[in-house]
Structure formats: C-alpha cells, structure tokens
Amino acid sequence: MDATESRVRSLLAAAKLAPSEEEIAGLVAGYEDYQAGIEALYAVPETRYASPALIFNAAPVFADWAQ
C-alpha cells in the first residue's frame, strides 16, 4: 500500500465511511487532483480570512409590509 492509498483509507475511516474497493481505487486515483484543488483554495492570501460567500443567518428579520 502506498502513501496515497494509506491516507485515503485513513480519511475514510476517520469519516466512518465504508466504500467498496472499487470506490476506494477511484478515490486514490483522483486524490492528487483533489489535494491540489484544495491547496489552491488556500493559496490566495487575500481570501485567507474572508467569510464564505453563502452564509445563512438564522436570526429573523422583521419586514414591515404595512408601509
């Protein structure tokens, strides 16, 4: 087992997921691309502390429709 497969299996175990061997093989094959994409998200210094674009605020806002 190589390092990538070991990492994928560890991540799946931590998430308590039990995919088939075929699915694991697919995840191992695409892991390097996924990892590169995730690292690219954090590579832009200007967005390091920015909030996500979509934020749900559960606090109700009163809209006065009578006016």
N, C-alpha and C. Protein backbone atom coordinates (compact mmCIF):
# COMPACT_ATOMS: atom_id res chain seq x y z
N MET A 1 0.85 -1.17 0.00
CA MET A 1 0.00 0.00 0.00
C MET A 1 0.89 1.24 0.00
N ASP A 2 0.64 2.14 -0.94
CA ASP A 2 1.44 3.36 -0.99
C ASP A 2 0.88 4.42 -0.04
N ALA A 3 1.57 5.55 0.05
CA ALA A 3 1.20 6.60 1.00
C ALA A 3 -0.16 7.21 0.67
N THR A 4 -0.45 7.38 -0.62
CA THR A 4 -1.73 7.97 -1.00
C THR A 4 -2.89 7.07 -0.61
N GLU A 5 -2.76 5.79 -0.90
CA GLU A 5 -3.83 4.86 -0.54
C GLU A 5 -4.01 4.79 0.97
N SER A 6 -2.92 4.81 1.68
CA SER A 6 -2.99 4.79 3.14
C SER A 6 -3.71 6.02 3.67
N ARG A 7 -3.40 7.18 3.10
CA ARG A 7 -4.04 8.42 3.53
C ARG A 7 -5.53 8.39 3.22
N VAL A 8 -5.90 7.95 2.02
CA VAL A 8 -7.31 7.88 1.64
C VAL A 8 -8.06 6.94 2.58
N ARG A 9 -7.49 5.79 2.85
CA ARG A 9 -8.15 4.84 3.75
C ARG A 9 -8.26 5.41 5.17
N SER A 10 -7.26 6.13 5.61
CA SER A 10 -7.32 6.75 6.94
C SER A 10 -8.40 7.82 7.01
N LEU A 11 -8.50 8.64 5.97
CA LEU A 11 -9.53 9.68 5.94
C LEU A 11 -10.92 9.08 5.90
N LEU A 12 -11.09 8.02 5.14
CA LEU A 12 -12.39 7.34 5.08
C LEU A 12 -12.75 6.73 6.42
N ALA A 13 -11.76 6.13 7.08
CA ALA A 13 -12.01 5.53 8.39
C ALA A 13 -12.37 6.61 9.41
N ALA A 14 -11.69 7.75 9.36
CA ALA A 14 -11.98 8.84 10.29
C ALA A 14 -13.39 9.38 10.07
N ALA A 15 -13.84 9.36 8.82
CA ALA A 15 -15.19 9.83 8.49
C ALA A 15 -16.24 8.73 8.70
N LYS A 16 -15.78 7.55 9.10
CA LYS A 16 -16.66 6.39 9.33
C LYS A 16 -17.44 6.02 8.07
N LEU A 17 -16.73 6.05 6.93
CA LEU A 17 -17.30 5.65 5.65
C LEU A 17 -16.69 4.33 5.24
N ALA A 18 -17.49 3.50 4.60
CA ALA A 18 -17.01 2.18 4.18
C ALA A 18 -17.33 1.94 2.70
N PRO A 19 -16.62 2.62 1.80
CA PRO A 19 -16.86 2.41 0.36
C PRO A 19 -16.31 1.07 -0.10
N SER A 20 -16.72 0.67 -1.29
CA SER A 20 -16.22 -0.57 -1.87
C SER A 20 -14.76 -0.39 -2.30
N GLU A 21 -14.10 -1.49 -2.58
CA GLU A 21 -12.70 -1.42 -3.04
C GLU A 21 -12.61 -0.66 -4.37
N GLU A 22 -13.62 -0.81 -5.20
CA GLU A 22 -13.64 -0.09 -6.48
C GLU A 22 -13.73 1.42 -6.25
N GLU A 23 -14.57 1.83 -5.30
CA GLU A 23 -14.68 3.25 -4.98
C GLU A 23 -13.39 3.78 -4.36
N ILE A 24 -12.78 3.00 -3.52
CA ILE A 24 -11.51 3.41 -2.92
C ILE A 24 -10.45 3.59 -4.00
N ALA A 25 -10.41 2.68 -4.95
CA ALA A 25 -9.44 2.80 -6.05
C ALA A 25 -9.66 4.10 -6.82
N GLY A 26 -10.92 4.47 -7.05
CA GLY A 26 -11.22 5.72 -7.73
C GLY A 26 -10.80 6.94 -6.92
N LEU A 27 -11.02 6.88 -5.61
CA LEU A 27 -10.62 7.98 -4.75
C LEU A 27 -9.10 8.12 -4.69
N VAL A 28 -8.41 6.99 -4.66
CA VAL A 28 -6.94 7.01 -4.64
C VAL A 28 -6.42 7.59 -5.95
N ALA A 29 -7.03 7.19 -7.07
CA ALA A 29 -6.59 7.69 -8.37
C ALA A 29 -6.78 9.20 -8.50
N GLY A 30 -7.84 9.75 -7.91
CA GLY A 30 -8.11 11.17 -8.04
C GLY A 30 -7.62 12.02 -6.88
N TYR A 31 -7.00 11.39 -5.90
CA TYR A 31 -6.62 12.11 -4.67
C TYR A 31 -5.66 13.27 -4.94
N GLU A 32 -4.68 13.05 -5.77
CA GLU A 32 -3.68 14.11 -6.03
C GLU A 32 -4.35 15.35 -6.62
N ASP A 33 -5.32 15.16 -7.53
CA ASP A 33 -6.03 16.29 -8.11
C ASP A 33 -6.88 17.00 -7.06
N TYR A 34 -7.58 16.23 -6.23
CA TYR A 34 -8.38 16.83 -5.16
C TYR A 34 -7.49 17.64 -4.22
N GLN A 35 -6.37 17.07 -3.84
CA GLN A 35 -5.46 17.74 -2.92
C GLN A 35 -4.93 19.04 -3.52
N ALA A 36 -4.58 19.01 -4.80
CA ALA A 36 -4.09 20.21 -5.48
C ALA A 36 -5.17 21.29 -5.51
N GLY A 37 -6.41 20.89 -5.75
CA GLY A 37 -7.51 21.85 -5.77
C GLY A 37 -7.75 22.47 -4.41
N ILE A 38 -7.69 21.67 -3.37
CA ILE A 38 -7.88 22.18 -2.01
C ILE A 38 -6.76 23.14 -1.64
N GLU A 39 -5.54 22.79 -1.97
CA GLU A 39 -4.41 23.67 -1.67
C GLU A 39 -4.52 24.98 -2.44
N ALA A 40 -5.06 24.93 -3.67
CA ALA A 40 -5.22 26.15 -4.47
C ALA A 40 -6.22 27.09 -3.81
N LEU A 41 -7.23 26.56 -3.11
CA LEU A 41 -8.20 27.41 -2.44
C LEU A 41 -7.55 28.26 -1.35
N TYR A 42 -6.55 27.71 -0.70
CA TYR A 42 -5.88 28.41 0.39
C TYR A 42 -4.64 29.18 -0.07
N ALA A 43 -4.34 29.16 -1.37
CA ALA A 43 -3.14 29.80 -1.88
C ALA A 43 -3.31 31.30 -2.12
N VAL A 44 -4.54 31.78 -2.09
CA VAL A 44 -4.80 33.20 -2.35
C VAL A 44 -4.79 33.94 -1.02
N PRO A 45 -3.73 34.71 -0.74
CA PRO A 45 -3.61 35.35 0.57
C PRO A 45 -4.77 36.29 0.92
N GLU A 46 -5.33 36.94 -0.09
CA GLU A 46 -6.40 37.91 0.16
C GLU A 46 -7.66 37.25 0.72
N THR A 47 -7.85 35.97 0.48
CA THR A 47 -9.07 35.30 0.93
C THR A 47 -8.84 34.47 2.18
N ARG A 48 -7.70 34.57 2.76
CA ARG A 48 -7.36 33.73 3.92
C ARG A 48 -8.36 33.87 5.06
N TYR A 49 -8.77 35.09 5.37
CA TYR A 49 -9.68 35.31 6.49
C TYR A 49 -11.08 35.74 6.05
N ALA A 50 -11.37 35.61 4.77
CA ALA A 50 -12.68 36.02 4.26
C ALA A 50 -13.75 34.99 4.65
N SER A 51 -14.95 35.49 4.81
CA SER A 51 -16.08 34.60 5.08
C SER A 51 -16.54 33.97 3.77
N PRO A 52 -17.14 32.81 3.86
CA PRO A 52 -17.69 32.20 2.64
C PRO A 52 -18.76 33.11 2.03
N ALA A 53 -18.98 32.98 0.75
CA ALA A 53 -19.95 33.83 0.07
C ALA A 53 -21.37 33.56 0.53
N LEU A 54 -21.69 32.33 0.85
CA LEU A 54 -23.04 31.98 1.26
C LEU A 54 -23.09 31.73 2.75
N ILE A 55 -23.75 32.62 3.46
CA ILE A 55 -23.88 32.47 4.91
C ILE A 55 -25.36 32.54 5.25
N PHE A 56 -25.83 31.57 5.98
CA PHE A 56 -27.22 31.55 6.43
C PHE A 56 -27.30 32.16 7.82
N ASN A 57 -28.09 33.19 7.96
CA ASN A 57 -28.28 33.83 9.25
C ASN A 57 -29.67 33.45 9.75
N ALA A 58 -29.73 32.69 10.83
CA ALA A 58 -31.00 32.19 11.33
C ALA A 58 -31.78 33.22 12.13
N ALA A 59 -31.20 34.38 12.41
CA ALA A 59 -31.91 35.42 13.15
C ALA A 59 -33.01 36.02 12.27
N PRO A 60 -34.26 36.00 12.75
CA PRO A 60 -35.35 36.54 11.93
C PRO A 60 -35.26 38.06 11.81
N VAL A 61 -35.64 38.56 10.68
CA VAL A 61 -35.66 39.99 10.43
C VAL A 61 -37.10 40.38 10.18
N PHE A 62 -37.59 41.38 10.91
CA PHE A 62 -38.97 41.82 10.76
C PHE A 62 -39.06 42.75 9.56
N ALA A 63 -39.93 42.38 8.65
CA ALA A 63 -40.19 43.23 7.48
C ALA A 63 -41.57 43.84 7.66
N ASP A 64 -41.64 45.16 7.74
CA ASP A 64 -42.90 45.85 7.93
C ASP A 64 -43.54 46.08 6.57
N TRP A 65 -44.48 45.22 6.22
CA TRP A 65 -45.11 45.29 4.92
C TRP A 65 -46.24 46.33 4.90
N ALA A 66 -46.58 46.90 6.02
CA ALA A 66 -47.68 47.85 6.10
C ALA A 66 -47.30 49.21 5.51
N GLN A 67 -46.04 49.47 5.39
CA GLN A 67 -45.62 50.81 4.91
C GLN A 67 -45.57 50.88 3.44
